[in-house]
Structure formats: structure tokens, C-alpha cells
Amino acid sequence: MRILLFTGKGGVGKTTTAAATALRCAEAGLRTIVLSTDPAHSLADAYGMDLGDTPRELAPGLWGQQLDTQARMEDSWVEIQAWLQDVFQWAGVAAIEAEELSVIPGLDEIFSLSDIKAYAASGEWDVVVVDCAPTAETLRLLSLPEIMRWYMDRVFPMSRKVNKVVSPLLGRVAGLPTPGDDVFGSASRFYARLDGVRELLTDTETTSVRLVVNPERLVVAEARRTHTYLSLFGYRVDAVVANRLLPEAVTDPWFAAWRERHAEHLGSIEEGFAPLPILRAELAADELVGLDALRGFADGLYGDLDPAAVLHPGEPMEVTRKGTGYELTIELPFADKDELELGRRDDELLIRVGSHRRALLLPDSLRRRPVGAASLRDGRLRVTFAGDRTARADGASGRRRAGAGR
């Protein structure tokens, strides 16, 4: 079973790459389904066929789907939505506006996670290919399961208890609509749909992320940041697709400067993302729409490679023994030590890289050990834990900067 996630800056060709990869997997005899989590669905356009909320056969062994958020909401969000509408109307918001506001942005991405989980568990598919939203939305999508778990483990039980005490008072005094057990039950079912998704998507033997880039400075810079943040949350990137490279056959002098820039950016991609394999795709002479066009694109992109294989081994996070203590290593390619902060709170290691934060629940072997030192070198964050596991980190919420630079 393999799950392949394709992401990149908007407009780089990730939908084309995902569609072509899925077709190649199916033609290799693998039962394949391709999904779109991008709210601006364009997967159907790539195949030149209509796609809807239920899987449709696109070619022998290949099925495709574009999610219908409304249908998913009616199944998992209806009680929460009804309560939110009551709250907004109580606050003076018009009914139609309240209905719109009660639909949280990003719900389609959330529901797509539960679909990935369901397809992986069904046993009906060998490969699930996901055409993800542009990088910012993808990062939010992939960090959601961990955030939801933190909320459900810590905040949800307390909120439910407080609600039983406070809600009757608020209802009598202010007339504010308060959530009942049906709303909390809906939230619990909502979380249940996501439970286990993170474990599935961070299983490096099952799931790989592939970054799609163009030979442009801004695109490459965003891809570098995306690689860092994906690694922070434990997702493996196993390849980079360098798309829309100027073909060698184009020799007109008008393209000379363009060719030089492409060569420069391609060199920085190969050097910066090493040792990841760089898959190359030339700028197509025509629109890549339909099975024949996608087949040709996939042939040029993968050559003799198996698109469903793990193209680069490696673990985003590992724990190794160091004398009487342990060392936690997290891959953070392209991270800058000036943007990195670490903290410790009870059983969690708090990591911040730029604007992204993660509360990493430590494994049992590290929870009772104090942090010794931390360093960031060669794209790897190394955190040592002392051998005395009866001691606790003094000032659990204290923060520190990672030491030695890259």
C-alpha cells in the first residue's frame, strides 16, 4: 500500500504531475485512486473528464474523485453548524450570512484526510495519489491531525465539563445559545474520522510527499521552506519534481537568458535538495490534457523508475542511544538557527521554526529524561537527553535557542 502526496506553489504543475503519476501506476497493474484536496479542483480538467464526489473509473485500474464538501458536512458537521448559526444569529448576523460563516474554511481539506484513511484501510487500492492544495494549505492540512489530537486529549474533556456548569447560567442570563451533548458528540465523531491519519501519513514505508517546483527563484525558495516544515511534522519527502524546464531543442537566441536562469535554478535545486532525487520534466509544447498527454509526461518524468516506489529512504525523526542517554534527531533541511526555538513542557518538546510550531509528544524512553543540549547542523536538529531519567527538566516551559549553526 502506497500513498503519494503531491504539493507545491500554485501553478507549478502539481495537478498534472499527480494525474500522470496515477495513470502510470494504474498502467503498471496497480489498483490506483487519485483524489484532489485542492478547493479549486482541476483534476477533472487534467484528465478531460468529469469527476464528482464518488470515485469514477478513468482508465483500466484508475479511479478519480473530487470531494463534495457539502455532502461530508451533512454527515459530520450538521449539529456543529446548526449551533454556530444560532450563535451568529444571536449576535445579530443575518440568516444567510450566518449559514455561510458556519462553514469553516478548510473543511474540504479536513474531510479529504478521512477519505485517504478510509481508502488505505479498505484493502481495495494499491496506490492512493493525492493532488494537494498549494503549499500553505497543504501544511495546514497535514498538521491538522496532530493539532486535533492535542485539542481532543487536553481541551475537549475540560470544555465539556465546564460547559455543563456554565451553559445553563449563560442561557438564562444572556440568552446565548450554548452547545449541548449533540454538539460535543458531533465534534467527537468529527475527530474520530481523523484519528489514526497522522500515524498513516508519517509511516515512511507507506506515505511519501513529492514537491513540484519550477526553475524560478520564488518557487524554489517556497519549496525549501515547505521541505523544512514537512520534516518538522514528520512527513517524508522522497523526491522533487523540477517541472517546465526549457527543452534542449529550443535553440533560439531569444531564450538564451531564460536558459541560463533555468540552469542556475536547476543547479540550486539539485544542490540544495540533495540527496533527494530530482525528477525532470520539460516544458510541454501543448496543454497536458487527456490520457495520451499525461502518459507521455509520465514517461519523460519517471523513465525506468517505479513511480510507486520509495524513491529516497530516510526517517524524518529518529532516536538513538548515546552512552547512558539518548539523542533525538529531526530532519529540518534549510532551517535557520535564528528561526529555531525549543522548549520543554511536561511530556512535550516544543519546536518552533519561523511561524510554524509543533508540540512533539516524546516517546516513553525520553519523557522522564531532562534535555541536555540542542544543536542544528547540516539540516539536522539534535536534542540530547541525559541518562538520569528520574530528573525532570527544570522549568518545563523554558525556551532555548538551538546551538551550533549549519
Protein backbone atom coordinates (compact mmCIF):
# COMPACT_ATOMS: atom_id res chain seq x y z
CA MET A 1 0.00 0.00 0.00
CA ARG A 2 1.41 3.41 -1.01
CA ILE A 3 0.16 6.97 -0.54
CA LEU A 4 1.75 9.68 -2.71
CA LEU A 5 1.10 13.35 -1.88
CA PHE A 6 1.97 16.00 -4.47
CA THR A 7 2.26 19.63 -3.43
CA GLY A 8 3.93 22.85 -4.46
CA LYS A 9 3.30 26.52 -5.07
CA GLY A 10 0.16 27.26 -7.04
CA GLY A 11 0.61 26.93 -10.77
CA VAL A 12 3.76 24.77 -10.82
CA GLY A 13 2.00 21.73 -12.34
CA LYS A 14 1.33 19.55 -9.30
CA THR A 15 -2.10 18.51 -10.60
CA THR A 16 -0.61 17.40 -13.92
CA THR A 17 2.16 15.53 -12.09
CA ALA A 18 -0.29 13.80 -9.74
CA ALA A 19 -2.63 12.85 -12.58
CA ALA A 20 0.20 11.48 -14.72
CA THR A 21 1.70 9.54 -11.79
CA ALA A 22 -1.65 7.93 -11.01
CA LEU A 23 -2.10 6.90 -14.64
CA ARG A 24 1.37 5.37 -14.79
CA CYS A 25 0.75 3.42 -11.56
CA ALA A 26 -2.54 2.06 -12.94
CA GLU A 27 -0.92 1.04 -16.23
CA ALA A 28 1.73 -0.82 -14.22
CA GLY A 29 -1.08 -3.02 -12.87
CA LEU A 30 -1.62 -1.25 -9.54
CA ARG A 31 -5.15 -0.51 -8.36
CA THR A 32 -4.97 3.27 -8.13
CA ILE A 33 -7.26 6.06 -6.97
CA VAL A 34 -6.39 9.76 -7.33
CA LEU A 35 -8.01 12.43 -5.13
CA SER A 36 -7.98 16.21 -5.15
CA THR A 37 -7.80 18.16 -1.87
CA ASP A 38 -7.41 21.50 -3.63
CA PRO A 39 -10.59 23.59 -3.15
CA ALA A 40 -10.03 24.86 -6.71
CA HIS A 41 -10.35 21.40 -8.23
CA SER A 42 -8.58 20.97 -11.57
CA LEU A 43 -8.01 17.21 -11.55
CA ALA A 44 -11.00 16.65 -13.83
CA ASP A 45 -9.57 19.19 -16.27
CA ALA A 46 -6.26 17.33 -16.40
CA TYR A 47 -7.99 14.11 -17.44
CA GLY A 48 -10.53 15.88 -19.63
CA MET A 49 -13.33 14.01 -17.84
CA ASP A 50 -15.99 14.85 -15.30
CA LEU A 51 -15.26 13.92 -11.68
CA GLY A 52 -17.55 14.06 -8.68
CA ASP A 53 -17.85 13.11 -5.04
CA THR A 54 -17.89 9.38 -5.76
CA PRO A 55 -14.95 7.62 -7.43
CA ARG A 56 -15.21 7.31 -11.22
CA GLU A 57 -13.23 4.94 -13.40
CA LEU A 58 -10.94 6.96 -15.68
CA ALA A 59 -8.95 4.12 -17.24
CA PRO A 60 -8.44 0.43 -16.51
CA GLY A 61 -7.32 0.23 -12.87
CA LEU A 62 -7.54 4.02 -12.37
CA TRP A 63 -10.28 5.86 -10.47
CA GLY A 64 -10.63 9.53 -9.61
CA GLN A 65 -12.59 11.66 -7.17
CA GLN A 66 -13.18 15.32 -6.30
CA LEU A 67 -14.73 15.79 -2.89
CA ASP A 68 -18.14 17.34 -2.29
CA THR A 69 -17.74 19.29 0.94
CA GLN A 70 -21.48 19.75 1.39
CA ALA A 71 -22.11 16.01 1.43
CA ARG A 72 -19.39 15.49 4.05
CA MET A 73 -20.77 18.32 6.18
CA GLU A 74 -24.21 16.77 6.29
CA ASP A 75 -22.62 13.66 7.73
CA SER A 76 -20.21 15.10 10.32
CA TRP A 77 -20.78 18.83 10.77
CA VAL A 78 -24.53 19.35 10.80
CA GLU A 79 -25.00 19.65 14.60
CA ILE A 80 -21.99 21.95 14.97
CA GLN A 81 -23.14 24.06 12.03
CA ALA A 82 -26.64 24.43 13.46
CA TRP A 83 -25.27 25.64 16.81
CA LEU A 84 -22.88 28.09 15.10
CA GLN A 85 -25.77 29.51 13.06
CA ASP A 86 -27.76 30.08 16.25
CA VAL A 87 -24.77 31.86 17.84
CA PHE A 88 -24.23 34.12 14.82
CA GLN A 89 -27.93 34.98 14.59
CA TRP A 90 -27.98 35.72 18.35
CA ALA A 91 -25.12 38.15 17.67
CA GLY A 92 -27.22 39.92 15.02
CA VAL A 93 -25.84 38.32 11.86
CA ALA A 94 -28.37 37.82 9.07
CA ALA A 95 -29.50 34.24 8.48
CA ILE A 96 -27.85 33.79 5.09
CA GLU A 97 -24.56 35.26 6.37
CA ALA A 98 -24.73 33.08 9.47
CA GLU A 99 -25.08 30.00 7.27
CA GLU A 100 -22.00 30.98 5.27
CA LEU A 101 -19.95 31.81 8.38
CA SER A 102 -20.79 28.46 9.97
CA VAL A 103 -18.75 26.66 7.32
CA ILE A 104 -15.14 26.84 8.44
CA PRO A 105 -12.59 27.43 5.64
CA GLY A 106 -10.54 24.31 5.00
CA LEU A 107 -13.30 21.80 5.80
CA ASP A 108 -12.86 20.19 2.38
CA GLU A 109 -9.22 19.53 3.21
CA ILE A 110 -10.18 18.03 6.56
CA PHE A 111 -12.69 15.66 5.01
CA SER A 112 -10.16 14.60 2.38
CA LEU A 113 -7.93 13.31 5.17
CA SER A 114 -10.66 10.96 6.32
CA ASP A 115 -11.11 9.74 2.74
CA ILE A 116 -7.40 8.94 2.49
CA LYS A 117 -7.65 6.97 5.71
CA ALA A 118 -10.72 5.09 4.50
CA TYR A 119 -9.16 4.14 1.18
CA ALA A 120 -5.95 2.98 2.83
CA ALA A 121 -7.90 0.80 5.27
CA SER A 122 -10.25 -0.68 2.68
CA GLY A 123 -7.71 -3.00 1.08
CA GLU A 124 -9.18 -2.17 -2.35
CA TRP A 125 -6.28 0.01 -3.51
CA ASP A 126 -2.56 -0.42 -4.04
CA VAL A 127 -1.83 3.29 -4.51
CA VAL A 128 -3.63 6.44 -3.35
CA VAL A 129 -2.40 9.56 -5.17
CA VAL A 130 -3.36 12.93 -3.68
CA ASP A 131 -3.30 16.21 -5.58
CA CYS A 132 -2.85 18.54 -2.62
CA ALA A 133 -3.72 22.21 -2.32
CA PRO A 134 -0.91 24.79 -2.69
CA THR A 135 1.79 24.56 -0.06
CA ALA A 136 0.36 26.83 2.66
CA GLU A 137 -2.94 24.94 2.68
CA THR A 138 -1.13 21.59 2.50
CA LEU A 139 0.91 22.41 5.59
CA ARG A 140 -2.28 23.29 7.45
CA LEU A 141 -3.90 20.11 6.18
CA LEU A 142 -1.05 17.84 7.29
CA SER A 143 -0.61 19.49 10.69
CA LEU A 144 -4.33 19.18 11.47
CA PRO A 145 -4.36 15.59 12.83
CA GLU A 146 -1.75 16.43 15.46
CA ILE A 147 -3.49 19.67 16.44
CA MET A 148 -6.84 17.87 16.70
CA ARG A 149 -5.31 15.15 18.85
CA TRP A 150 -3.82 17.75 21.20
CA TYR A 151 -7.18 19.51 21.44
CA MET A 152 -9.19 16.32 22.00
CA ASP A 153 -6.78 14.97 24.63
CA ARG A 154 -6.46 18.20 26.62
CA VAL A 155 -9.10 20.83 25.87
CA PHE A 156 -12.15 18.83 24.81
CA PRO A 157 -12.76 16.90 28.08
CA MET A 158 -12.33 20.07 30.17
CA SER A 159 -14.55 22.12 27.83
CA ARG A 160 -17.31 19.54 28.08
CA LYS A 161 -17.24 19.60 31.87
CA VAL A 162 -17.17 23.40 32.06
CA ASN A 163 -20.00 23.61 29.54
CA LYS A 164 -22.33 21.57 31.77
CA VAL A 165 -21.81 24.09 34.60
CA VAL A 166 -21.65 27.38 32.72
CA SER A 167 -24.11 26.84 29.84
CA PRO A 168 -27.32 26.95 31.93
CA LEU A 169 -26.21 30.23 33.51
CA LEU A 170 -25.30 31.85 30.17
CA GLY A 171 -28.53 30.65 28.61
CA ARG A 172 -30.68 32.15 31.39
CA VAL A 173 -28.78 35.42 31.78
CA ALA A 174 -27.80 36.33 28.22
CA GLY A 175 -29.89 34.06 26.05
CA LEU A 176 -26.70 32.88 24.35
CA PRO A 177 -27.22 29.55 22.53
CA THR A 178 -24.97 27.03 24.24
CA PRO A 179 -23.71 23.73 22.87
CA GLY A 180 -25.42 20.58 24.05
CA ASP A 181 -24.28 16.99 24.14
CA ASP A 182 -25.23 16.59 20.47
CA VAL A 183 -22.69 19.28 19.50
CA PHE A 184 -19.94 17.72 21.60
CA GLY A 185 -20.86 14.31 20.24
CA SER A 186 -20.59 15.65 16.70
CA ALA A 187 -17.15 17.08 17.50
CA SER A 188 -16.09 13.72 18.88
CA ARG A 189 -17.25 11.92 15.72
CA PHE A 190 -15.51 14.58 13.66
CA TYR A 191 -12.25 13.80 15.43
CA ALA A 192 -12.80 10.06 15.11
CA ARG A 193 -12.70 10.46 11.34
CA LEU A 194 -9.17 11.85 11.68
CA ASP A 195 -7.93 9.51 14.40
CA GLY A 196 -5.07 7.43 13.02
CA VAL A 197 -4.50 9.63 9.97
CA ARG A 198 -1.26 11.08 11.30
CA GLU A 199 0.20 7.64 12.00
CA LEU A 200 -0.69 6.63 8.45
CA LEU A 201 0.77 9.70 6.76
CA THR A 202 4.00 9.67 8.80
CA ASP A 203 4.62 5.98 8.13
CA THR A 204 7.59 6.43 5.79
CA GLU A 205 7.13 2.99 4.22
CA THR A 206 3.57 3.89 3.24
CA THR A 207 3.48 7.62 2.55
CA SER A 208 5.75 9.94 0.57
CA VAL A 209 5.46 13.62 -0.26
CA ARG A 210 6.77 14.86 -3.61
CA LEU A 211 7.47 18.55 -4.10
CA VAL A 212 6.79 20.04 -7.52
CA VAL A 213 8.85 23.11 -8.46
CA ASN A 214 9.57 25.29 -11.48
CA PRO A 215 13.03 26.73 -12.14
CA GLU A 216 12.09 30.08 -10.61
CA ARG A 217 13.68 31.73 -7.59
CA LEU A 218 10.46 32.34 -5.62
CA VAL A 219 9.14 28.83 -6.31
CA VAL A 220 12.39 27.18 -5.20
CA ALA A 221 12.52 29.32 -2.05
CA GLU A 222 8.99 28.29 -1.07
CA ALA A 223 9.76 24.63 -1.76
CA ARG A 224 12.77 24.82 0.58
CA ARG A 225 10.59 26.20 3.36
CA THR A 226 7.94 23.56 2.67
CA HIS A 227 10.55 20.80 2.94
CA THR A 228 11.59 22.14 6.33
CA TYR A 229 8.05 22.32 7.69
CA LEU A 230 7.04 18.91 6.35
CA SER A 231 10.05 17.40 8.09
CA LEU A 232 9.16 19.25 11.29
CA PHE A 233 5.83 17.41 11.37
CA GLY A 234 7.38 14.05 10.48
CA TYR A 235 6.48 13.73 6.78
CA ARG A 236 8.99 12.24 4.38
CA VAL A 237 9.77 13.97 1.09
CA ASP A 238 11.19 11.31 -1.23
CA ALA A 239 11.62 13.31 -4.47
CA VAL A 240 11.49 16.74 -6.06
CA VAL A 241 9.89 17.24 -9.49
CA ALA A 242 11.58 20.02 -11.49
CA ASN A 243 8.84 20.87 -13.96
CA ARG A 244 8.69 23.05 -17.09
CA LEU A 245 12.40 23.02 -17.88
CA LEU A 246 13.28 24.62 -21.20
CA PRO A 247 13.83 21.80 -23.73
CA GLU A 248 17.27 21.34 -25.28
CA ALA A 249 15.63 21.55 -28.69
CA VAL A 250 14.88 25.24 -28.13
CA THR A 251 17.98 26.99 -29.52
CA ASP A 252 16.58 30.39 -30.49
CA PRO A 253 18.90 33.14 -29.11
CA TRP A 254 15.83 34.89 -27.65
CA PHE A 255 15.74 32.13 -24.99
CA ALA A 256 19.45 32.36 -24.08
CA ALA A 257 18.95 34.36 -20.87
CA TRP A 258 16.00 32.16 -19.94
CA ARG A 259 18.11 29.04 -20.43
CA GLU A 260 20.87 30.45 -18.22
CA ARG A 261 18.40 31.18 -15.41
CA HIS A 262 16.91 27.71 -15.71
CA ALA A 263 20.36 26.13 -15.49
CA GLU A 264 21.20 28.27 -12.45
CA HIS A 265 17.97 27.41 -10.62
CA LEU A 266 18.20 23.73 -11.55
CA GLY A 267 21.70 23.65 -10.11
CA SER A 268 20.47 25.17 -6.86
CA ILE A 269 17.62 22.61 -6.74
CA GLU A 270 20.00 19.69 -7.23
CA GLU A 271 22.49 21.02 -4.69
CA GLY A 272 20.01 22.26 -2.11
CA PHE A 273 17.72 19.21 -2.06
CA ALA A 274 20.48 16.60 -2.26
CA PRO A 275 20.42 13.66 -1.67
CA LEU A 276 16.77 13.64 -2.84
CA PRO A 277 16.32 12.51 -6.45
CA ILE A 278 15.37 15.32 -8.84
CA LEU A 279 12.85 14.19 -11.45
CA ARG A 280 12.87 16.39 -14.55
CA ALA A 281 10.02 17.34 -16.87
CA GLU A 282 10.43 19.62 -19.87
CA LEU A 283 8.11 22.46 -20.79
CA ALA A 284 5.42 20.89 -22.96
CA ALA A 285 4.66 22.20 -26.41
CA ASP A 286 0.92 21.89 -25.81
CA GLU A 287 -1.57 21.62 -22.96
CA LEU A 288 -1.22 18.42 -20.95
CA VAL A 289 -4.84 17.32 -21.02
CA GLY A 290 -6.12 13.79 -21.54
CA LEU A 291 -4.72 10.31 -21.04
CA ASP A 292 -2.34 10.36 -24.01
CA ALA A 293 -0.71 13.65 -22.98
CA LEU A 294 -0.42 12.57 -19.34
CA ARG A 295 1.07 9.23 -20.38
CA GLY A 296 3.78 10.99 -22.37
CA PHE A 297 4.51 13.34 -19.47
CA ALA A 298 4.85 10.40 -17.05
CA ASP A 299 7.18 8.54 -19.43
CA GLY A 300 9.52 11.51 -19.59
CA LEU A 301 9.33 12.16 -15.86
CA TYR A 302 9.92 8.67 -14.49
CA GLY A 303 11.75 6.84 -17.27
CA ASP A 304 12.51 3.39 -15.89
CA LEU A 305 11.62 4.33 -12.30
CA ASP A 306 8.67 2.76 -10.50
CA PRO A 307 6.52 5.80 -9.55
CA ALA A 308 5.01 3.92 -6.59
CA ALA A 309 8.40 3.03 -5.08
CA VAL A 310 10.02 4.86 -2.16
CA LEU A 311 12.43 6.97 -4.18
CA HIS A 312 14.60 8.00 -1.24
CA PRO A 313 14.90 6.25 2.13
CA GLY A 314 15.21 8.11 5.38
CA GLU A 315 13.34 8.91 8.56
CA PRO A 316 12.31 12.50 9.41
CA MET A 317 12.81 11.67 13.10
CA GLU A 318 14.80 9.01 14.95
CA VAL A 319 16.02 8.28 18.48
CA THR A 320 19.44 6.72 19.08
CA ARG A 321 21.22 5.75 22.26
CA LYS A 322 24.23 7.87 23.27
CA GLY A 323 26.06 6.38 26.22
CA THR A 324 23.63 6.37 29.13
CA GLY A 325 21.35 8.89 27.43
CA TYR A 326 19.60 9.36 24.11
CA GLU A 327 19.74 11.68 21.12
CA LEU A 328 16.63 12.76 19.23
CA THR A 329 17.38 13.72 15.61
CA ILE A 330 14.86 15.59 13.47
CA GLU A 331 15.47 16.39 9.82
CA LEU A 332 15.00 20.15 9.32
CA PRO A 333 16.52 20.87 5.90
CA PHE A 334 17.06 24.56 5.15
CA ALA A 335 16.15 25.60 8.71
CA ASP A 336 17.99 28.63 10.07
CA LYS A 337 19.17 28.51 13.68
CA ASP A 338 17.97 32.10 14.17
CA GLU A 339 14.40 30.99 13.40
CA LEU A 340 14.52 27.95 15.66
CA GLU A 341 13.29 27.84 19.25
CA LEU A 342 12.98 24.87 21.58
CA GLY A 343 11.07 24.43 24.79
CA ARG A 344 10.00 21.66 27.15
CA ARG A 345 6.59 21.30 28.74
CA ASP A 346 5.89 18.15 30.68
CA ASP A 347 5.96 15.27 28.16
CA GLU A 348 6.25 17.52 25.11
CA LEU A 349 9.16 19.04 23.24
CA LEU A 350 8.08 22.40 21.82
CA ILE A 351 9.67 23.25 18.47
CA ARG A 352 9.20 26.49 16.60
CA VAL A 353 10.64 27.15 13.14
CA GLY A 354 9.64 30.56 11.84
CA SER A 355 5.86 30.81 12.11
CA HIS A 356 5.28 27.06 12.45
CA ARG A 357 5.06 25.39 15.85
CA ARG A 358 4.87 21.76 16.85
CA ALA A 359 4.31 20.19 20.25
CA LEU A 360 6.12 16.88 19.84
CA LEU A 361 4.91 14.22 22.27
CA LEU A 362 8.08 12.50 23.39
CA PRO A 363 8.40 8.71 23.28
CA ASP A 364 8.35 6.84 26.58
CA SER A 365 12.14 6.45 26.60
CA LEU A 366 12.60 10.24 26.70
CA ARG A 367 9.69 11.55 28.76
CA ARG A 368 11.39 11.22 32.15
CA ARG A 369 14.78 12.48 30.98
CA PRO A 370 15.90 16.12 31.14
CA VAL A 371 17.10 17.85 27.99
CA GLY A 372 20.87 18.17 27.92
CA ALA A 373 21.75 20.18 24.82
CA ALA A 374 20.48 21.03 21.35
CA SER A 375 22.24 21.85 18.10
CA LEU A 376 21.34 22.45 14.45
CA ARG A 377 23.95 21.28 11.95
CA ASP A 378 23.70 20.19 8.31
CA GLY A 379 19.91 20.39 8.32
CA ARG A 380 19.52 18.17 11.40
CA LEU A 381 18.26 19.20 14.80
CA ARG A 382 19.89 17.09 17.51
CA VAL A 383 18.50 17.15 21.04
CA THR A 384 20.27 15.14 23.73
CA PHE A 385 18.51 13.71 26.76
CA ALA A 386 20.51 12.97 29.90
CA GLY A 387 20.93 9.47 31.31
CA ASP A 388 19.21 10.26 34.63
CA ARG A 389 15.58 9.68 33.77
CA THR A 390 14.35 10.33 37.30
CA ALA A 391 15.20 14.00 36.87
CA ARG A 392 12.86 16.37 35.14
CA ALA A 393 13.73 19.39 33.03
CA ASP A 394 13.79 22.33 35.43
CA GLY A 395 11.31 24.97 34.35
CA ALA A 396 9.38 22.81 31.93
CA SER A 397 8.17 25.75 29.90
CA GLY A 398 11.61 27.29 29.46
CA ARG A 399 12.85 28.00 25.95
CA ARG A 400 16.24 27.96 24.34
CA ARG A 401 17.85 28.64 21.04
CA ALA A 402 19.44 25.70 19.26
CA GLY A 403 23.22 25.86 19.36
CA ALA A 404 25.82 25.43 16.64
CA GLY A 405 24.81 26.56 13.17
CA ARG A 406 24.53 24.61 10.00
